[in-house]
C-alpha atoms as a PDB file:
ATOM      1  CA  MET A   1     307.530 -26.626  49.126  1.00  0.00           C
ATOM      2  CA  THR A   2     308.006 -24.029  46.400  1.00  0.00           C
ATOM      3  CA  LEU A   3     305.248 -23.094  43.967  1.00  0.00           C
ATOM      4  CA  ALA A   4     307.234 -24.727  41.133  1.00  0.00           C
ATOM      5  CA  SER A   5     307.507 -28.045  42.995  1.00  0.00           C
ATOM      6  CA  LEU A   6     303.839 -27.881  43.980  1.00  0.00           C
ATOM      7  CA  SER A   7     302.883 -27.305  40.334  1.00  0.00           C
ATOM      8  CA  LEU A   8     304.963 -30.283  39.195  1.00  0.00           C
ATOM      9  CA  VAL A   9     303.320 -32.641  41.692  1.00  0.00           C
ATOM     10  CA  VAL A  10     299.789 -31.442  40.864  1.00  0.00           C
ATOM     11  CA  LEU A  11     300.487 -31.750  37.136  1.00  0.00           C
ATOM     12  CA  ALA A  12     301.897 -35.245  37.683  1.00  0.00           C
ATOM     13  CA  ALA A  13     298.716 -36.273  39.521  1.00  0.00           C
ATOM     14  CA  PHE A  14     296.501 -35.125  36.642  1.00  0.00           C
ATOM     15  CA  ILE A  15     298.762 -36.801  34.067  1.00  0.00           C
ATOM     16  CA  HIS A  16     298.771 -40.056  36.043  1.00  0.00           C
ATOM     17  CA  ALA A  17     294.981 -40.109  36.250  1.00  0.00           C
ATOM     18  CA  GLY A  18     294.815 -39.152  32.573  1.00  0.00           C
ATOM     19  CA  TRP A  19     296.906 -42.046  31.278  1.00  0.00           C
ATOM     20  CA  ASN A  20     294.892 -44.453  33.429  1.00  0.00           C
ATOM     21  CA  LEU A  21     291.749 -43.103  31.775  1.00  0.00           C
ATOM     22  CA  LEU A  22     293.296 -43.895  28.380  1.00  0.00           C
ATOM     23  CA  ALA A  23     294.293 -47.380  29.570  1.00  0.00           C
ATOM     24  CA  LYS A  24     290.741 -47.989  30.770  1.00  0.00           C
ATOM     25  CA  ARG A  25     289.395 -47.062  27.323  1.00  0.00           C
ATOM     26  CA  ALA A  26     291.693 -49.684  25.791  1.00  0.00           C
ATOM     27  CA  ALA A  27     290.863 -52.326  28.411  1.00  0.00           C
ATOM     28  CA  PRO A  28     289.434 -54.879  25.907  1.00  0.00           C
ATOM     29  CA  VAL A  29     292.783 -55.063  24.067  1.00  0.00           C
ATOM     30  CA  GLY A  30     294.538 -56.570  27.082  1.00  0.00           C
ATOM     31  CA  PRO A  31     298.261 -57.476  27.074  1.00  0.00           C
ATOM     32  CA  VAL A  32     298.764 -56.413  23.443  1.00  0.00           C
ATOM     33  CA  PHE A  33     297.972 -52.841  24.494  1.00  0.00           C
ATOM     34  CA  VAL A  34     300.600 -53.065  27.262  1.00  0.00           C
ATOM     35  CA  PHE A  35     303.093 -54.203  24.613  1.00  0.00           C
ATOM     36  CA  ALA A  36     302.154 -51.300  22.331  1.00  0.00           C
ATOM     37  CA  TYR A  37     302.554 -48.529  24.880  1.00  0.00           C
ATOM     38  CA  ASN A  38     305.812 -50.018  26.181  1.00  0.00           C
ATOM     39  CA  LEU A  39     307.135 -49.944  22.614  1.00  0.00           C
ATOM     40  CA  ILE A  40     306.180 -46.268  22.317  1.00  0.00           C
ATOM     41  CA  SER A  41     307.810 -45.436  25.676  1.00  0.00           C
ATOM     42  CA  CYS A  42     311.036 -47.123  24.598  1.00  0.00           C
ATOM     43  CA  LEU A  43     311.164 -45.228  21.296  1.00  0.00           C
ATOM     44  CA  ALA A  44     310.133 -41.855  22.724  1.00  0.00           C
ATOM     45  CA  TYR A  45     312.572 -41.771  25.652  1.00  0.00           C
ATOM     46  CA  ALA A  46     315.501 -43.556  23.945  1.00  0.00           C
ATOM     47  CA  PRO A  47     317.326 -40.316  22.957  1.00  0.00           C
ATOM     48  CA  TRP A  48     317.340 -39.093  26.561  1.00  0.00           C
ATOM     49  CA  VAL A  49     318.620 -42.434  27.864  1.00  0.00           C
ATOM     50  CA  ILE A  50     321.282 -42.701  25.149  1.00  0.00           C
ATOM     51  CA  TRP A  51     322.494 -39.217  26.052  1.00  0.00           C
ATOM     52  CA  LEU A  52     322.739 -40.138  29.750  1.00  0.00           C
ATOM     53  CA  LEU A  53     324.610 -43.343  28.959  1.00  0.00           C
ATOM     54  CA  ALA A  54     326.988 -41.460  26.650  1.00  0.00           C
ATOM     55  CA  GLN A  55     327.761 -39.057  29.489  1.00  0.00           C
ATOM     56  CA  GLY A  56     328.951 -42.013  31.564  1.00  0.00           C
ATOM     57  CA  GLY A  57     326.533 -41.195  34.352  1.00  0.00           C
ATOM     58  CA  VAL A  58     325.508 -44.799  34.909  1.00  0.00           C
ATOM     59  CA  ALA A  59     327.905 -47.292  36.486  1.00  0.00           C
ATOM     60  CA  TRP A  60     326.491 -50.775  35.899  1.00  0.00           C
ATOM     61  CA  THR A  61     327.018 -53.407  38.580  1.00  0.00           C
ATOM     62  CA  ARG A  62     325.667 -56.901  39.070  1.00  0.00           C
ATOM     63  CA  ALA A  63     323.371 -55.602  41.798  1.00  0.00           C
ATOM     64  CA  GLY A  64     322.186 -52.772  39.556  1.00  0.00           C
ATOM     65  CA  ALA A  65     321.383 -55.149  36.712  1.00  0.00           C
ATOM     66  CA  GLY A  66     319.525 -57.390  39.143  1.00  0.00           C
ATOM     67  CA  PHE A  67     317.375 -54.545  40.413  1.00  0.00           C
ATOM     68  CA  VAL A  68     316.603 -53.383  36.869  1.00  0.00           C
ATOM     69  CA  LEU A  69     315.489 -56.943  36.080  1.00  0.00           C
ATOM     70  CA  ALA A  70     313.360 -57.108  39.234  1.00  0.00           C
ATOM     71  CA  SER A  71     311.833 -53.703  38.456  1.00  0.00           C
ATOM     72  CA  GLY A  72     310.933 -54.776  34.924  1.00  0.00           C
ATOM     73  CA  LEU A  73     309.265 -57.994  36.091  1.00  0.00           C
ATOM     74  CA  ILE A  74     307.246 -56.269  38.811  1.00  0.00           C
ATOM     75  CA  HIS A  75     306.201 -53.441  36.483  1.00  0.00           C
ATOM     76  CA  LEU A  76     305.112 -56.013  33.895  1.00  0.00           C
ATOM     77  CA  ALA A  77     302.943 -57.784  36.467  1.00  0.00           C
ATOM     78  CA  TYR A  78     301.568 -54.387  37.550  1.00  0.00           C
ATOM     79  CA  SER A  79     300.713 -53.347  33.979  1.00  0.00           C
ATOM     80  CA  LEU A  80     298.954 -56.621  33.182  1.00  0.00           C
ATOM     81  CA  CYS A  81     297.102 -56.663  36.510  1.00  0.00           C
ATOM     82  CA  LEU A  82     295.929 -53.075  36.050  1.00  0.00           C
ATOM     83  CA  GLN A  83     294.760 -53.734  32.494  1.00  0.00           C
ATOM     84  CA  ARG A  84     292.872 -56.848  33.610  1.00  0.00           C
ATOM     85  CA  GLY A  85     291.227 -54.893  36.402  1.00  0.00           C
ATOM     86  CA  TYR A  86     290.037 -52.298  33.896  1.00  0.00           C
ATOM     87  CA  GLN A  87     288.515 -55.086  31.815  1.00  0.00           C
ATOM     88  CA  LEU A  88     286.394 -56.287  34.735  1.00  0.00           C
ATOM     89  CA  ALA A  89     285.567 -53.177  36.780  1.00  0.00           C
ATOM     90  CA  ASP A  90     285.169 -49.398  36.717  1.00  0.00           C
ATOM     91  CA  LEU A  91     288.097 -46.988  36.605  1.00  0.00           C
ATOM     92  CA  SER A  92     286.543 -45.220  39.596  1.00  0.00           C
ATOM     93  CA  VAL A  93     286.952 -48.435  41.641  1.00  0.00           C
ATOM     94  CA  VAL A  94     290.188 -50.037  40.438  1.00  0.00           C
ATOM     95  CA  TYR A  95     292.263 -46.863  40.247  1.00  0.00           C
ATOM     96  CA  PRO A  96     291.640 -45.367  43.722  1.00  0.00           C
ATOM     97  CA  VAL A  97     291.774 -48.797  45.391  1.00  0.00           C
ATOM     98  CA  ALA A  98     295.151 -49.485  43.750  1.00  0.00           C
ATOM     99  CA  ARG A  99     296.536 -46.060  44.647  1.00  0.00           C
ATOM    100  CA  GLY A 100     295.390 -46.359  48.259  1.00  0.00           C
ATOM    101  CA  THR A 101     296.478 -49.968  48.786  1.00  0.00           C
ATOM    102  CA  GLY A 102     300.121 -49.297  47.841  1.00  0.00           C
ATOM    103  CA  PRO A 103     300.927 -46.890  50.720  1.00  0.00           C
ATOM    104  CA  MET A 104     298.864 -48.998  53.121  1.00  0.00           C
ATOM    105  CA  LEU A 105     300.807 -52.179  52.350  1.00  0.00           C
ATOM    106  CA  SER A 106     304.131 -50.322  52.486  1.00  0.00           C
ATOM    107  CA  THR A 107     303.303 -49.103  55.979  1.00  0.00           C
ATOM    108  CA  LEU A 108     302.159 -52.559  57.088  1.00  0.00           C
ATOM    109  CA  GLY A 109     305.424 -53.989  55.786  1.00  0.00           C
ATOM    110  CA  ALA A 110     307.383 -51.431  57.784  1.00  0.00           C
ATOM    111  CA  PHE A 111     305.473 -52.438  60.928  1.00  0.00           C
ATOM    112  CA  LEU A 112     305.488 -56.221  60.462  1.00  0.00           C
ATOM    113  CA  ILE A 113     308.716 -56.917  58.562  1.00  0.00           C
ATOM    114  CA  LEU A 114     311.072 -54.074  59.451  1.00  0.00           C
ATOM    115  CA  GLY A 115     309.909 -53.906  63.050  1.00  0.00           C
ATOM    116  CA  GLU A 116     309.123 -50.188  63.011  1.00  0.00           C
ATOM    117  CA  THR A 117     307.040 -49.006  65.954  1.00  0.00           C
ATOM    118  CA  PRO A 118     303.538 -48.004  64.835  1.00  0.00           C
ATOM    119  CA  ARG A 119     302.495 -44.483  65.757  1.00  0.00           C
ATOM    120  CA  ALA A 120     298.950 -43.327  66.376  1.00  0.00           C
ATOM    121  CA  SER A 121     298.890 -41.434  63.065  1.00  0.00           C
ATOM    122  CA  GLY A 122     300.021 -44.551  61.173  1.00  0.00           C
ATOM    123  CA  LEU A 123     297.367 -46.770  62.745  1.00  0.00           C
ATOM    124  CA  ALA A 124     294.676 -44.134  62.126  1.00  0.00           C
ATOM    125  CA  GLY A 125     295.860 -43.850  58.528  1.00  0.00           C
ATOM    126  CA  LEU A 126     295.561 -47.612  58.014  1.00  0.00           C
ATOM    127  CA  VAL A 127     292.010 -47.592  59.378  1.00  0.00           C
ATOM    128  CA  LEU A 128     291.016 -44.687  57.126  1.00  0.00           C
ATOM    129  CA  VAL A 129     292.528 -46.281  54.008  1.00  0.00           C
ATOM    130  CA  VAL A 130     290.679 -49.566  54.638  1.00  0.00           C
ATOM    131  CA  ALA A 131     287.416 -47.707  55.352  1.00  0.00           C
ATOM    132  CA  GLY A 132     287.818 -45.544  52.240  1.00  0.00           C
ATOM    133  CA  ILE A 133     288.542 -48.555  50.029  1.00  0.00           C
ATOM    134  CA  LEU A 134     285.408 -50.286  51.313  1.00  0.00           C
ATOM    135  CA  LEU A 135     283.338 -47.158  50.584  1.00  0.00           C
ATOM    136  CA  ILE A 136     284.725 -47.005  47.043  1.00  0.00           C
ATOM    137  CA  ALA A 137     284.136 -50.690  46.363  1.00  0.00           C
ATOM    138  CA  THR A 138     280.642 -50.913  47.861  1.00  0.00           C
ATOM    139  CA  GLN A 139     279.274 -47.337  47.556  1.00  0.00           C
ATOM    140  CA  GLY A 140     278.139 -47.695  51.155  1.00  0.00           C
ATOM    141  CA  ARG A 141     276.323 -51.000  50.638  1.00  0.00           C
ATOM    142  CA  LEU A 142     278.120 -54.162  51.761  1.00  0.00           C
ATOM    143  CA  ALA A 143     275.532 -56.142  49.806  1.00  0.00           C
ATOM    144  CA  ALA A 144     277.399 -54.993  46.698  1.00  0.00           C
ATOM    145  CA  PHE A 145     279.887 -57.813  47.325  1.00  0.00           C
ATOM    146  CA  ALA A 146     277.100 -60.334  46.806  1.00  0.00           C
ATOM    147  CA  ARG A 147     276.416 -59.179  43.235  1.00  0.00           C
ATOM    148  CA  PRO A 148     278.100 -61.037  40.348  1.00  0.00           C
ATOM    149  CA  GLY A 149     281.494 -59.427  39.849  1.00  0.00           C
ATOM    150  CA  GLY A 150     280.971 -57.207  42.866  1.00  0.00           C
ATOM    151  CA  GLN A 151     284.397 -58.035  44.269  1.00  0.00           C
ATOM    152  CA  ALA A 152     286.330 -57.743  40.988  1.00  0.00           C
ATOM    153  CA  GLY A 153     287.295 -54.076  41.357  1.00  0.00           C
ATOM    154  CA  LEU A 154     288.405 -54.525  44.955  1.00  0.00           C
ATOM    155  CA  ARG A 155     290.339 -57.720  44.176  1.00  0.00           C
ATOM    156  CA  TRP A 156     292.215 -56.417  41.134  1.00  0.00           C
ATOM    157  CA  GLY A 157     292.729 -52.968  42.633  1.00  0.00           C
ATOM    158  CA  THR A 158     294.227 -54.491  45.774  1.00  0.00           C
ATOM    159  CA  ALA A 159     296.499 -56.785  43.740  1.00  0.00           C
ATOM    160  CA  THR A 160     297.651 -53.811  41.667  1.00  0.00           C
ATOM    161  CA  GLY A 161     298.294 -51.819  44.841  1.00  0.00           C
ATOM    162  CA  GLY A 162     300.421 -54.646  46.214  1.00  0.00           C
ATOM    163  CA  LEU A 163     302.570 -54.534  43.086  1.00  0.00           C
ATOM    164  CA  ILE A 164     302.822 -50.738  43.406  1.00  0.00           C
ATOM    165  CA  ALA A 165     304.223 -51.232  46.919  1.00  0.00           C
ATOM    166  CA  CYS A 166     306.736 -53.790  45.590  1.00  0.00           C
ATOM    167  CA  TYR A 167     308.075 -51.713  42.729  1.00  0.00           C
ATOM    168  CA  THR A 168     308.205 -48.609  44.925  1.00  0.00           C
ATOM    169  CA  VAL A 169     310.633 -50.346  47.282  1.00  0.00           C
ATOM    170  CA  VAL A 170     312.719 -51.853  44.454  1.00  0.00           C
ATOM    171  CA  ASP A 171     312.901 -48.640  42.408  1.00  0.00           C
ATOM    172  CA  ALA A 172     313.676 -46.472  45.440  1.00  0.00           C
ATOM    173  CA  TYR A 173     316.606 -48.708  46.391  1.00  0.00           C
ATOM    174  CA  ALA A 174     317.900 -48.795  42.805  1.00  0.00           C
ATOM    175  CA  VAL A 175     317.797 -44.998  42.506  1.00  0.00           C
ATOM    176  CA  ARG A 176     318.986 -44.028  45.967  1.00  0.00           C
ATOM    177  CA  ALA A 177     321.368 -46.796  47.014  1.00  0.00           C
ATOM    178  CA  LEU A 178     322.715 -47.930  43.634  1.00  0.00           C
ATOM    179  CA  GLY A 179     322.711 -44.546  41.912  1.00  0.00           C
ATOM    180  CA  ILE A 180     320.789 -45.590  38.797  1.00  0.00           C
ATOM    181  CA  ALA A 181     319.263 -42.595  37.021  1.00  0.00           C
ATOM    182  CA  PRO A 182     315.439 -42.789  37.298  1.00  0.00           C
ATOM    183  CA  VAL A 183     314.904 -42.293  33.570  1.00  0.00           C
ATOM    184  CA  VAL A 184     317.411 -45.054  32.794  1.00  0.00           C
ATOM    185  CA  LEU A 185     315.745 -47.403  35.281  1.00  0.00           C
ATOM    186  CA  ASP A 186     312.294 -46.714  33.866  1.00  0.00           C
ATOM    187  CA  TRP A 187     313.484 -47.089  30.253  1.00  0.00           C
ATOM    188  CA  PHE A 188     315.234 -50.413  30.760  1.00  0.00           C
ATOM    189  CA  SER A 189     312.210 -51.640  32.714  1.00  0.00           C
ATOM    190  CA  ASN A 190     310.029 -50.766  29.712  1.00  0.00           C
ATOM    191  CA  LEU A 191     312.504 -52.431  27.356  1.00  0.00           C
ATOM    192  CA  LEU A 192     312.395 -55.647  29.389  1.00  0.00           C
ATOM    193  CA  ARG A 193     308.597 -55.651  29.346  1.00  0.00           C
ATOM    194  CA  PHE A 194     308.696 -55.140  25.582  1.00  0.00           C
ATOM    195  CA  PHE A 195     310.829 -58.253  25.025  1.00  0.00           C
ATOM    196  CA  LEU A 196     308.839 -60.346  27.504  1.00  0.00           C
ATOM    197  CA  LEU A 197     305.580 -59.506  25.700  1.00  0.00           C
ATOM    198  CA  LEU A 198     307.052 -59.759  22.193  1.00  0.00           C
ATOM    199  CA  PRO A 199     306.476 -63.562  21.886  1.00  0.00           C
ATOM    200  CA  LEU A 200     302.789 -63.007  22.628  1.00  0.00           C
ATOM    201  CA  VAL A 201     302.538 -60.626  19.665  1.00  0.00           C
ATOM    202  CA  LEU A 202     304.710 -62.717  17.337  1.00  0.00           C
ATOM    203  CA  ALA A 203     302.578 -65.805  18.038  1.00  0.00           C
ATOM    204  CA  ASP A 204     299.699 -64.187  16.137  1.00  0.00           C
ATOM    205  CA  PRO A 205     300.735 -60.860  14.534  1.00  0.00           C
ATOM    206  CA  ARG A 206     297.519 -60.589  12.535  1.00  0.00           C
ATOM    207  CA  ARG A 207     295.358 -60.811  15.654  1.00  0.00           C
ATOM    208  CA  ALA A 208     297.606 -58.311  17.472  1.00  0.00           C
ATOM    209  CA  ALA A 209     297.265 -55.821  14.631  1.00  0.00           C
ATOM    210  CA  GLU A 210     293.511 -56.380  14.521  1.00  0.00           C
ATOM    211  CA  VAL A 211     292.882 -55.795  18.235  1.00  0.00           C
ATOM    212  CA  MET A 212     295.076 -52.675  18.186  1.00  0.00           C
ATOM    213  CA  ARG A 213     293.136 -51.142  15.297  1.00  0.00           C
ATOM    214  CA  GLY A 214     291.757 -47.844  16.527  1.00  0.00           C
ATOM    215  CA  HIS A 215     293.766 -47.992  19.772  1.00  0.00           C
ATOM    216  CA  TRP A 216     297.176 -46.703  18.679  1.00  0.00           C
ATOM    217  CA  GLY A 217     296.266 -43.159  19.685  1.00  0.00           C
ATOM    218  CA  LEU A 218     295.517 -44.383  23.216  1.00  0.00           C
ATOM    219  CA  ALA A 219     298.786 -46.353  23.267  1.00  0.00           C
ATOM    220  CA  LEU A 220     300.669 -43.220  22.179  1.00  0.00           C
ATOM    221  CA  GLY A 221     299.111 -41.265  25.033  1.00  0.00           C
ATOM    222  CA  VAL A 222     299.901 -43.879  27.681  1.00  0.00           C
ATOM    223  CA  GLY A 223     303.402 -44.479  26.305  1.00  0.00           C
ATOM    224  CA  LEU A 224     304.266 -40.783  26.551  1.00  0.00           C
ATOM    225  CA  LEU A 225     302.371 -39.819  29.696  1.00  0.00           C
ATOM    226  CA  SER A 226     303.120 -42.771  31.975  1.00  0.00           C
ATOM    227  CA  PRO A 227     306.894 -42.107  32.217  1.00  0.00           C
ATOM    228  CA  LEU A 228     306.293 -38.343  32.207  1.00  0.00           C
ATOM    229  CA  SER A 229     304.181 -38.407  35.380  1.00  0.00           C
ATOM    230  CA  TYR A 230     306.970 -40.314  37.129  1.00  0.00           C
ATOM    231  CA  ILE A 231     309.669 -37.917  35.869  1.00  0.00           C
ATOM    232  CA  LEU A 232     307.741 -34.839  37.062  1.00  0.00           C
ATOM    233  CA  VAL A 233     307.538 -36.212  40.605  1.00  0.00           C
ATOM    234  CA  LEU A 234     311.262 -36.961  40.592  1.00  0.00           C
ATOM    235  CA  ALA A 235     311.923 -33.430  39.349  1.00  0.00           C
ATOM    236  CA  ALA A 236     309.931 -32.033  42.280  1.00  0.00           C
ATOM    237  CA  LEU A 237     311.925 -34.160  44.717  1.00  0.00           C
ATOM    238  CA  SER A 238     315.240 -33.160  43.160  1.00  0.00           C
ATOM    239  CA  GLY A 239     314.124 -29.531  43.468  1.00  0.00           C
ATOM    240  CA  GLY A 240     313.978 -29.898  47.246  1.00  0.00           C
ATOM    241  CA  ALA A 241     310.340 -30.832  47.802  1.00  0.00           C
ATOM    242  CA  PRO A 242     310.039 -33.082  50.891  1.00  0.00           C
ATOM    243  CA  LEU A 243     308.925 -36.643  50.236  1.00  0.00           C
ATOM    244  CA  SER A 244     306.573 -36.426  53.234  1.00  0.00           C
ATOM    245  CA  LEU A 245     304.539 -33.838  51.305  1.00  0.00           C
ATOM    246  CA  VAL A 246     305.025 -35.117  47.760  1.00  0.00           C
ATOM    247  CA  ALA A 247     303.845 -38.681  48.510  1.00  0.00           C
ATOM    248  CA  PRO A 248     300.375 -37.785  49.872  1.00  0.00           C
ATOM    249  CA  MET A 249     299.875 -34.998  47.335  1.00  0.00           C
ATOM    250  CA  ARG A 250     300.374 -37.495  44.509  1.00  0.00           C
ATOM    251  CA  GLU A 251     297.363 -39.407  45.771  1.00  0.00           C
ATOM    252  CA  MET A 252     295.033 -36.580  44.809  1.00  0.00           C
ATOM    253  CA  SER A 253     295.132 -38.390  41.465  1.00  0.00           C
ATOM    254  CA  MET A 254     292.657 -40.951  42.836  1.00  0.00           C
ATOM    255  CA  MET A 255     290.024 -38.228  43.247  1.00  0.00           C
ATOM    256  CA  VAL A 256     290.836 -36.944  39.756  1.00  0.00           C
ATOM    257  CA  GLY A 257     290.487 -40.494  38.402  1.00  0.00           C
ATOM    258  CA  ALA A 258     287.106 -40.961  40.064  1.00  0.00           C
ATOM    259  CA  VAL A 259     285.813 -37.668  38.649  1.00  0.00           C
ATOM    260  CA  MET A 260     287.118 -38.604  35.174  1.00  0.00           C
ATOM    261  CA  GLY A 261     285.335 -41.927  35.422  1.00  0.00           C
ATOM    262  CA  MET A 262     282.104 -40.118  36.296  1.00  0.00           C
ATOM    263  CA  LEU A 263     282.282 -37.268  33.760  1.00  0.00           C
ATOM    264  CA  ILE A 264     284.019 -38.930  30.804  1.00  0.00           C
ATOM    265  CA  LEU A 265     283.224 -42.646  31.083  1.00  0.00           C
ATOM    266  CA  ARG A 266     279.777 -42.035  32.596  1.00  0.00           C
ATOM    267  CA  GLU A 267     280.449 -44.415  35.467  1.00  0.00           C
ATOM    268  CA  ALA A 268     278.045 -44.401  38.404  1.00  0.00           C
ATOM    269  CA  VAL A 269     280.491 -42.838  40.852  1.00  0.00           C
ATOM    270  CA  GLY A 270     278.122 -41.160  43.288  1.00  0.00           C
ATOM    271  CA  ARG A 271     278.820 -39.473  46.582  1.00  0.00           C
ATOM    272  CA  TRP A 272     279.971 -42.665  48.320  1.00  0.00           C
ATOM    273  CA  ARG A 273     282.888 -43.285  45.959  1.00  0.00           C
ATOM    274  CA  LEU A 274     283.928 -39.629  46.091  1.00  0.00           C
ATOM    275  CA  ALA A 275     283.715 -39.730  49.883  1.00  0.00           C
ATOM    276  CA  GLY A 276     285.745 -42.947  49.862  1.00  0.00           C
ATOM    277  CA  CYS A 277     288.458 -41.265  47.775  1.00  0.00           C
ATOM    278  CA  ALA A 278     288.589 -38.376  50.256  1.00  0.00           C
ATOM    279  CA  VAL A 279     288.867 -40.812  53.180  1.00  0.00           C
ATOM    280  CA  VAL A 280     291.677 -42.738  51.453  1.00  0.00           C
ATOM    281  CA  ILE A 281     293.568 -39.508  50.735  1.00  0.00           C
ATOM    282  CA  ALA A 282     293.246 -38.518  54.396  1.00  0.00           C
ATOM    283  CA  GLY A 283     294.531 -41.949  55.391  1.00  0.00           C
ATOM    284  CA  VAL A 284     297.526 -41.705  53.048  1.00  0.00           C
ATOM    285  CA  ILE A 285     298.386 -38.273  54.502  1.00  0.00           C
ATOM    286  CA  LEU A 286     298.363 -39.772  58.008  1.00  0.00           C
ATOM    287  CA  LEU A 287     300.504 -42.696  56.816  1.00  0.00           C
ATOM    288  CA  SER A 288     303.065 -40.243  55.455  1.00  0.00           C
ATOM    289  CA  LEU A 289     303.261 -38.615  58.903  1.00  0.00           C
ATOM    290  CA  SER A 290     303.792 -41.894  60.774  1.00  0.00           C
END
């Protein structure tokens, strides 16, 4: 991997953790915040998409439209699930659990559904991811599950990770097999989410405006940074960086997210959560080698 590709992936990891920090700060707003940052994404990246469409680089088919629709629905569920998780639990729990669960479930699907033969590295990776997630969720004390709301971060993080695994498969097929430009796929997915959430805002515009008061700066940050982190990774891949290295390196964002939660949000991260993040990252690296 070249230094330029390495820099892109590292930058993408910091940006990804950064926009999740912003989303966590706007957690009380809920779905209206998701609507707001999707609106900003659509407006900000529209010129790029219009230029690509004008160049005739996108050949629409029924299958392509179907995958764009599926991507938009899954990303909507992911956005709402993530925002709900941030309402109920710490960033330093929900974020790393979600980021670790996605690769774990993808590998399990390859073993159980696609019939791929599990290798020792893959099985070891699964064990490490599960162990790391438990360390993050409990901080080394299983009794943490018995506390009120003690399972919320694990539950919502795992659900979010499952949706990450789903949209990863759908988006990868749309980009690789159907030839849809990644920026176009992401933009139309955002546009679909905008229209699906629009009735919620129109049902009570005054309330929507009220809950967004003071949060538009956060929505601007998420709306600009969320697609950007995705585009940087794609740029690294198009520059020749191997997926087997890019995928695990992206997961360094979970450690960045945990540190941000500790330093900026003053969450009680502690050594157990940091150790859990390190264990999950090691597990994801082994999964990428399986």
